[in-house]
Amino acid sequence: MTAKDLFGVDILDIQLDFTGQTIPANGKSVFEDLGIDINEFQDKEVKLYGTNYDDLIFEYEIQSIVYTDGTTE
């Protein structure tokens, strides 16, 4: 996932792994309570924390999908 500011400038790249989460065919899954610990000495993390949530743009790039039969895409 990439978090961007209001102007589309990258703030921070975050790796997410949803291993073990099964989503049914034509279904969806909602993940709540996701968060990261902010290190006050990491400028990118401080910028993310200090940016108004409504001004953030989130882009997700799926790198792989593993189906219940073990095949991958």
PDB file of N, CA and C in Angstrom:
ATOM      1  N   MET A   1       0.851  -1.159   0.000  1.00  0.00           N
ATOM      2  CA  MET A   1       0.000   0.000   0.000  1.00  0.00           C
ATOM      3  C   MET A   1       0.899   1.225   0.000  1.00  0.00           C
ATOM      4  N   THR A   2       0.492   2.220  -0.741  1.00  0.00           N
ATOM      5  CA  THR A   2       1.197   3.497  -0.750  1.00  0.00           C
ATOM      6  C   THR A   2       0.243   4.573  -0.256  1.00  0.00           C
ATOM      7  N   ALA A   3       0.686   5.334   0.715  1.00  0.00           N
ATOM      8  CA  ALA A   3      -0.070   6.481   1.201  1.00  0.00           C
ATOM      9  C   ALA A   3       0.506   7.714   0.518  1.00  0.00           C
ATOM     10  N   LYS A   4      -0.376   8.521  -0.062  1.00  0.00           N
ATOM     11  CA  LYS A   4       0.035   9.727  -0.773  1.00  0.00           C
ATOM     12  C   LYS A   4      -0.650  10.937  -0.166  1.00  0.00           C
ATOM     13  N   ASP A   5      -0.036  12.101  -0.385  1.00  0.00           N
ATOM     14  CA  ASP A   5      -0.665  13.326   0.102  1.00  0.00           C
ATOM     15  C   ASP A   5      -1.699  13.815  -0.908  1.00  0.00           C
ATOM     16  N   LEU A   6      -2.325  14.920  -0.616  1.00  0.00           N
ATOM     17  CA  LEU A   6      -3.397  15.479  -1.434  1.00  0.00           C
ATOM     18  C   LEU A   6      -2.967  15.737  -2.876  1.00  0.00           C
ATOM     19  N   PHE A   7      -1.670  15.941  -3.090  1.00  0.00           N
ATOM     20  CA  PHE A   7      -1.143  16.241  -4.420  1.00  0.00           C
ATOM     21  C   PHE A   7      -0.640  14.993  -5.140  1.00  0.00           C
ATOM     22  N   GLY A   8      -0.819  13.821  -4.524  1.00  0.00           N
ATOM     23  CA  GLY A   8      -0.400  12.574  -5.137  1.00  0.00           C
ATOM     24  C   GLY A   8       1.055  12.225  -4.923  1.00  0.00           C
ATOM     25  N   VAL A   9       1.713  12.935  -4.024  1.00  0.00           N
ATOM     26  CA  VAL A   9       3.113  12.656  -3.726  1.00  0.00           C
ATOM     27  C   VAL A   9       3.195  11.535  -2.687  1.00  0.00           C
ATOM     28  N   ASP A  10       4.020  10.527  -2.979  1.00  0.00           N
ATOM     29  CA  ASP A  10       4.181   9.400  -2.058  1.00  0.00           C
ATOM     30  C   ASP A  10       4.678   9.871  -0.697  1.00  0.00           C
ATOM     31  N   ILE A  11       4.029   9.374   0.349  1.00  0.00           N
ATOM     32  CA  ILE A  11       4.483   9.640   1.711  1.00  0.00           C
ATOM     33  C   ILE A  11       5.182   8.407   2.255  1.00  0.00           C
ATOM     34  N   LEU A  12       4.506   7.254   2.148  1.00  0.00           N
ATOM     35  CA  LEU A  12       5.033   6.051   2.780  1.00  0.00           C
ATOM     36  C   LEU A  12       4.499   4.808   2.085  1.00  0.00           C
ATOM     37  N   ASP A  13       5.385   3.820   1.866  1.00  0.00           N
ATOM     38  CA  ASP A  13       4.984   2.505   1.366  1.00  0.00           C
ATOM     39  C   ASP A  13       4.903   1.558   2.553  1.00  0.00           C
ATOM     40  N   ILE A  14       3.825   0.790   2.604  1.00  0.00           N
ATOM     41  CA  ILE A  14       3.602  -0.138   3.707  1.00  0.00           C
ATOM     42  C   ILE A  14       3.262  -1.502   3.113  1.00  0.00           C
ATOM     43  N   GLN A  15       3.925  -2.555   3.594  1.00  0.00           N
ATOM     44  CA  GLN A  15       3.627  -3.913   3.154  1.00  0.00           C
ATOM     45  C   GLN A  15       2.520  -4.485   4.030  1.00  0.00           C
ATOM     46  N   LEU A  16       1.482  -5.014   3.397  1.00  0.00           N
ATOM     47  CA  LEU A  16       0.377  -5.638   4.116  1.00  0.00           C
ATOM     48  C   LEU A  16       0.290  -7.106   3.705  1.00  0.00           C
ATOM     49  N   ASP A  17      -0.002  -7.971   4.646  1.00  0.00           N
ATOM     50  CA  ASP A  17      -0.118  -9.400   4.379  1.00  0.00           C
ATOM     51  C   ASP A  17      -1.392  -9.903   5.039  1.00  0.00           C
ATOM     52  N   PHE A  18      -2.308 -10.388   4.222  1.00  0.00           N
ATOM     53  CA  PHE A  18      -3.580 -10.880   4.738  1.00  0.00           C
ATOM     54  C   PHE A  18      -3.647 -12.403   4.648  1.00  0.00           C
ATOM     55  N   THR A  19      -2.507 -13.059   4.842  1.00  0.00           N
ATOM     56  CA  THR A  19      -2.449 -14.519   4.833  1.00  0.00           C
ATOM     57  C   THR A  19      -3.446 -15.079   5.848  1.00  0.00           C
ATOM     58  N   GLY A  20      -4.183 -16.085   5.410  1.00  0.00           N
ATOM     59  CA  GLY A  20      -5.136 -16.730   6.306  1.00  0.00           C
ATOM     60  C   GLY A  20      -6.535 -16.140   6.236  1.00  0.00           C
ATOM     61  N   GLN A  21      -6.705 -15.086   5.447  1.00  0.00           N
ATOM     62  CA  GLN A  21      -8.028 -14.465   5.299  1.00  0.00           C
ATOM     63  C   GLN A  21      -8.675 -15.024   4.033  1.00  0.00           C
ATOM     64  N   THR A  22      -9.782 -15.716   4.173  1.00  0.00           N
ATOM     65  CA  THR A  22     -10.490 -16.278   3.024  1.00  0.00           C
ATOM     66  C   THR A  22     -11.616 -15.344   2.617  1.00  0.00           C
ATOM     67  N   ILE A  23     -11.645 -15.018   1.337  1.00  0.00           N
ATOM     68  CA  ILE A  23     -12.704 -14.166   0.789  1.00  0.00           C
ATOM     69  C   ILE A  23     -13.486 -15.027  -0.196  1.00  0.00           C
ATOM     70  N   PRO A  24     -14.791 -15.173   0.003  1.00  0.00           N
ATOM     71  CA  PRO A  24     -15.580 -16.016  -0.905  1.00  0.00           C
ATOM     72  C   PRO A  24     -15.654 -15.417  -2.307  1.00  0.00           C
ATOM     73  N   ALA A  25     -15.906 -16.286  -3.305  1.00  0.00           N
ATOM     74  CA  ALA A  25     -16.062 -15.828  -4.686  1.00  0.00           C
ATOM     75  C   ALA A  25     -17.123 -14.737  -4.743  1.00  0.00           C
ATOM     76  N   ASN A  26     -16.821 -13.674  -5.457  1.00  0.00           N
ATOM     77  CA  ASN A  26     -17.703 -12.507  -5.602  1.00  0.00           C
ATOM     78  C   ASN A  26     -17.999 -11.837  -4.256  1.00  0.00           C
ATOM     79  N   GLY A  27     -17.195 -12.116  -3.264  1.00  0.00           N
ATOM     80  CA  GLY A  27     -17.390 -11.535  -1.937  1.00  0.00           C
ATOM     81  C   GLY A  27     -16.417 -10.405  -1.678  1.00  0.00           C
ATOM     82  N   LYS A  28     -16.422  -9.947  -0.467  1.00  0.00           N
ATOM     83  CA  LYS A  28     -15.496  -8.898  -0.074  1.00  0.00           C
ATOM     84  C   LYS A  28     -15.121  -9.119   1.386  1.00  0.00           C
ATOM     85  N   SER A  29     -14.102  -8.461   1.790  1.00  0.00           N
ATOM     86  CA  SER A  29     -13.656  -8.535   3.165  1.00  0.00           C
ATOM     87  C   SER A  29     -13.270  -7.143   3.622  1.00  0.00           C
ATOM     88  N   VAL A  30     -13.654  -6.803   4.820  1.00  0.00           N
ATOM     89  CA  VAL A  30     -13.333  -5.498   5.384  1.00  0.00           C
ATOM     90  C   VAL A  30     -12.368  -5.714   6.542  1.00  0.00           C
ATOM     91  N   PHE A  31     -11.269  -5.003   6.504  1.00  0.00           N
ATOM     92  CA  PHE A  31     -10.268  -5.104   7.556  1.00  0.00           C
ATOM     93  C   PHE A  31     -10.276  -3.807   8.349  1.00  0.00           C
ATOM     94  N   GLU A  32     -10.631  -3.906   9.611  1.00  0.00           N
ATOM     95  CA  GLU A  32     -10.662  -2.747  10.486  1.00  0.00           C
ATOM     96  C   GLU A  32      -9.532  -2.868  11.498  1.00  0.00           C
ATOM     97  N   ASP A  33      -9.287  -1.813  12.196  1.00  0.00           N
ATOM     98  CA  ASP A  33      -8.263  -1.801  13.244  1.00  0.00           C
ATOM     99  C   ASP A  33      -6.857  -2.013  12.711  1.00  0.00           C
ATOM    100  N   LEU A  34      -6.611  -1.630  11.452  1.00  0.00           N
ATOM    101  CA  LEU A  34      -5.250  -1.675  10.936  1.00  0.00           C
ATOM    102  C   LEU A  34      -4.542  -0.404  11.375  1.00  0.00           C
ATOM    103  N   GLY A  35      -3.292  -0.513  11.672  1.00  0.00           N
ATOM    104  CA  GLY A  35      -2.535   0.660  12.076  1.00  0.00           C
ATOM    105  C   GLY A  35      -1.050   0.385  12.053  1.00  0.00           C
ATOM    106  N   ILE A  36      -0.280   1.418  12.194  1.00  0.00           N
ATOM    107  CA  ILE A  36       1.173   1.267  12.285  1.00  0.00           C
ATOM    108  C   ILE A  36       1.659   2.093  13.470  1.00  0.00           C
ATOM    109  N   ASP A  37       2.767   1.671  14.019  1.00  0.00           N
ATOM    110  CA  ASP A  37       3.412   2.459  15.065  1.00  0.00           C
ATOM    111  C   ASP A  37       4.241   3.541  14.388  1.00  0.00           C
ATOM    112  N   ILE A  38       4.096   4.764  14.845  1.00  0.00           N
ATOM    113  CA  ILE A  38       4.825   5.896  14.270  1.00  0.00           C
ATOM    114  C   ILE A  38       6.119   6.108  15.042  1.00  0.00           C
ATOM    115  N   ASN A  39       7.222   6.109  14.313  1.00  0.00           N
ATOM    116  CA  ASN A  39       8.523   6.401  14.901  1.00  0.00           C
ATOM    117  C   ASN A  39       8.779   7.893  14.709  1.00  0.00           C
ATOM    118  N   GLU A  40       8.856   8.618  15.788  1.00  0.00           N
ATOM    119  CA  GLU A  40       9.004  10.075  15.712  1.00  0.00           C
ATOM    120  C   GLU A  40      10.293  10.511  15.035  1.00  0.00           C
ATOM    121  N   PHE A  41      11.224   9.587  14.802  1.00  0.00           N
ATOM    122  CA  PHE A  41      12.487   9.921  14.158  1.00  0.00           C
ATOM    123  C   PHE A  41      12.481   9.586  12.660  1.00  0.00           C
ATOM    124  N   GLN A  42      11.368   9.060  12.169  1.00  0.00           N
ATOM    125  CA  GLN A  42      11.222   8.743  10.747  1.00  0.00           C
ATOM    126  C   GLN A  42      10.328   9.801  10.103  1.00  0.00           C
ATOM    127  N   ASP A  43      10.923  10.667   9.304  1.00  0.00           N
ATOM    128  CA  ASP A  43      10.190  11.792   8.718  1.00  0.00           C
ATOM    129  C   ASP A  43       8.938  11.365   7.948  1.00  0.00           C
ATOM    130  N   LYS A  44       9.028  10.281   7.175  1.00  0.00           N
ATOM    131  CA  LYS A  44       7.868   9.823   6.394  1.00  0.00           C
ATOM    132  C   LYS A  44       6.711   9.412   7.306  1.00  0.00           C
ATOM    133  N   GLU A  45       7.027   8.734   8.394  1.00  0.00           N
ATOM    134  CA  GLU A  45       5.987   8.307   9.322  1.00  0.00           C
ATOM    135  C   GLU A  45       5.361   9.498  10.040  1.00  0.00           C
ATOM    136  N   VAL A  46       6.174  10.469  10.400  1.00  0.00           N
ATOM    137  CA  VAL A  46       5.670  11.679  11.054  1.00  0.00           C
ATOM    138  C   VAL A  46       4.776  12.459  10.091  1.00  0.00           C
ATOM    139  N   LYS A  47       5.176  12.528   8.813  1.00  0.00           N
ATOM    140  CA  LYS A  47       4.350  13.230   7.815  1.00  0.00           C
ATOM    141  C   LYS A  47       2.995  12.529   7.658  1.00  0.00           C
ATOM    142  N   LEU A  48       3.011  11.196   7.599  1.00  0.00           N
ATOM    143  CA  LEU A  48       1.755  10.448   7.494  1.00  0.00           C
ATOM    144  C   LEU A  48       0.859  10.746   8.692  1.00  0.00           C
ATOM    145  N   TYR A  49       1.433  10.700   9.869  1.00  0.00           N
ATOM    146  CA  TYR A  49       0.675  10.948  11.098  1.00  0.00           C
ATOM    147  C   TYR A  49       0.110  12.373  11.137  1.00  0.00           C
ATOM    148  N   GLY A  50       0.867  13.332  10.629  1.00  0.00           N
ATOM    149  CA  GLY A  50       0.465  14.726  10.711  1.00  0.00           C
ATOM    150  C   GLY A  50      -0.453  15.195   9.592  1.00  0.00           C
ATOM    151  N   THR A  51      -0.702  14.328   8.606  1.00  0.00           N
ATOM    152  CA  THR A  51      -1.560  14.703   7.487  1.00  0.00           C
ATOM    153  C   THR A  51      -3.011  14.366   7.805  1.00  0.00           C
ATOM    154  N   ASN A  52      -3.901  15.310   7.537  1.00  0.00           N
ATOM    155  CA  ASN A  52      -5.331  15.100   7.752  1.00  0.00           C
ATOM    156  C   ASN A  52      -5.770  13.867   6.959  1.00  0.00           C
ATOM    157  N   TYR A  53      -6.472  12.941   7.603  1.00  0.00           N
ATOM    158  CA  TYR A  53      -6.890  11.690   6.964  1.00  0.00           C
ATOM    159  C   TYR A  53      -7.652  11.943   5.667  1.00  0.00           C
ATOM    160  N   ASP A  54      -8.504  12.958   5.636  1.00  0.00           N
ATOM    161  CA  ASP A  54      -9.282  13.249   4.432  1.00  0.00           C
ATOM    162  C   ASP A  54      -8.402  13.711   3.273  1.00  0.00           C
ATOM    163  N   ASP A  55      -7.168  14.111   3.566  1.00  0.00           N
ATOM    164  CA  ASP A  55      -6.237  14.554   2.528  1.00  0.00           C
ATOM    165  C   ASP A  55      -5.298  13.446   2.074  1.00  0.00           C
ATOM    166  N   LEU A  56      -5.475  12.238   2.585  1.00  0.00           N
ATOM    167  CA  LEU A  56      -4.631  11.117   2.202  1.00  0.00           C
ATOM    168  C   LEU A  56      -5.269  10.323   1.072  1.00  0.00           C
ATOM    169  N   ILE A  57      -4.430   9.825   0.193  1.00  0.00           N
ATOM    170  CA  ILE A  57      -4.846   8.950  -0.896  1.00  0.00           C
ATOM    171  C   ILE A  57      -4.138   7.611  -0.673  1.00  0.00           C
ATOM    172  N   PHE A  58      -4.895   6.528  -0.712  1.00  0.00           N
ATOM    173  CA  PHE A  58      -4.315   5.207  -0.510  1.00  0.00           C
ATOM    174  C   PHE A  58      -4.418   4.408  -1.802  1.00  0.00           C
ATOM    175  N   GLU A  59      -3.304   3.848  -2.225  1.00  0.00           N
ATOM    176  CA  GLU A  59      -3.274   2.994  -3.411  1.00  0.00           C
ATOM    177  C   GLU A  59      -2.788   1.620  -2.987  1.00  0.00           C
ATOM    178  N   TYR A  60      -3.460   0.589  -3.474  1.00  0.00           N
ATOM    179  CA  TYR A  60      -3.130  -0.788  -3.131  1.00  0.00           C
ATOM    180  C   TYR A  60      -2.704  -1.529  -4.383  1.00  0.00           C
ATOM    181  N   GLU A  61      -1.623  -2.272  -4.288  1.00  0.00           N
ATOM    182  CA  GLU A  61      -1.169  -3.100  -5.392  1.00  0.00           C
ATOM    183  C   GLU A  61      -1.119  -4.537  -4.894  1.00  0.00           C
ATOM    184  N   ILE A  62      -1.978  -5.371  -5.446  1.00  0.00           N
ATOM    185  CA  ILE A  62      -2.009  -6.777  -5.054  1.00  0.00           C
ATOM    186  C   ILE A  62      -0.856  -7.475  -5.749  1.00  0.00           C
ATOM    187  N   GLN A  63      -0.016  -8.137  -4.974  1.00  0.00           N
ATOM    188  CA  GLN A  63       1.151  -8.807  -5.536  1.00  0.00           C
ATOM    189  C   GLN A  63       0.895 -10.273  -5.814  1.00  0.00           C
ATOM    190  N   SER A  64       0.034 -10.906  -5.036  1.00  0.00           N
ATOM    191  CA  SER A  64      -0.304 -12.300  -5.312  1.00  0.00           C
ATOM    192  C   SER A  64      -1.598 -12.669  -4.610  1.00  0.00           C
ATOM    193  N   ILE A  65      -2.251 -13.664  -5.209  1.00  0.00           N
ATOM    194  CA  ILE A  65      -3.484 -14.215  -4.629  1.00  0.00           C
ATOM    195  C   ILE A  65      -3.294 -15.725  -4.574  1.00  0.00           C
ATOM    196  N   VAL A  66      -3.611 -16.320  -3.441  1.00  0.00           N
ATOM    197  CA  VAL A  66      -3.531 -17.769  -3.291  1.00  0.00           C
ATOM    198  C   VAL A  66      -4.969 -18.274  -3.095  1.00  0.00           C
ATOM    199  N   TYR A  67      -5.388 -19.157  -3.979  1.00  0.00           N
ATOM    200  CA  TYR A  67      -6.731 -19.712  -3.915  1.00  0.00           C
ATOM    201  C   TYR A  67      -6.764 -20.907  -2.960  1.00  0.00           C
ATOM    202  N   THR A  68      -7.962 -21.284  -2.522  1.00  0.00           N
ATOM    203  CA  THR A  68      -8.091 -22.377  -1.558  1.00  0.00           C
ATOM    204  C   THR A  68      -7.575 -23.698  -2.092  1.00  0.00           C
ATOM    205  N   ASP A  69      -7.514 -23.853  -3.435  1.00  0.00           N
ATOM    206  CA  ASP A  69      -6.970 -25.085  -3.990  1.00  0.00           C
ATOM    207  C   ASP A  69      -5.446 -25.050  -4.113  1.00  0.00           C
ATOM    208  N   GLY A  70      -4.831 -23.958  -3.653  1.00  0.00           N
ATOM    209  CA  GLY A  70      -3.377 -23.847  -3.658  1.00  0.00           C
ATOM    210  C   GLY A  70      -2.787 -23.158  -4.873  1.00  0.00           C
ATOM    211  N   THR A  71      -3.600 -22.914  -5.905  1.00  0.00           N
ATOM    212  CA  THR A  71      -3.073 -22.211  -7.074  1.00  0.00           C
ATOM    213  C   THR A  71      -2.876 -20.734  -6.734  1.00  0.00           C
ATOM    214  N   THR A  72      -1.976 -20.128  -7.462  1.00  0.00           N
ATOM    215  CA  THR A  72      -1.689 -18.701  -7.220  1.00  0.00           C
ATOM    216  C   THR A  72      -1.839 -17.894  -8.487  1.00  0.00           C
ATOM    217  N   GLU A  73      -2.019 -16.628  -8.290  1.00  0.00           N
ATOM    218  CA  GLU A  73      -2.143 -15.702  -9.407  1.00  0.00           C
ATOM    219  C   GLU A  73      -1.322 -14.480  -9.110  1.00  0.00           C
TER     220      GLU A  73
END
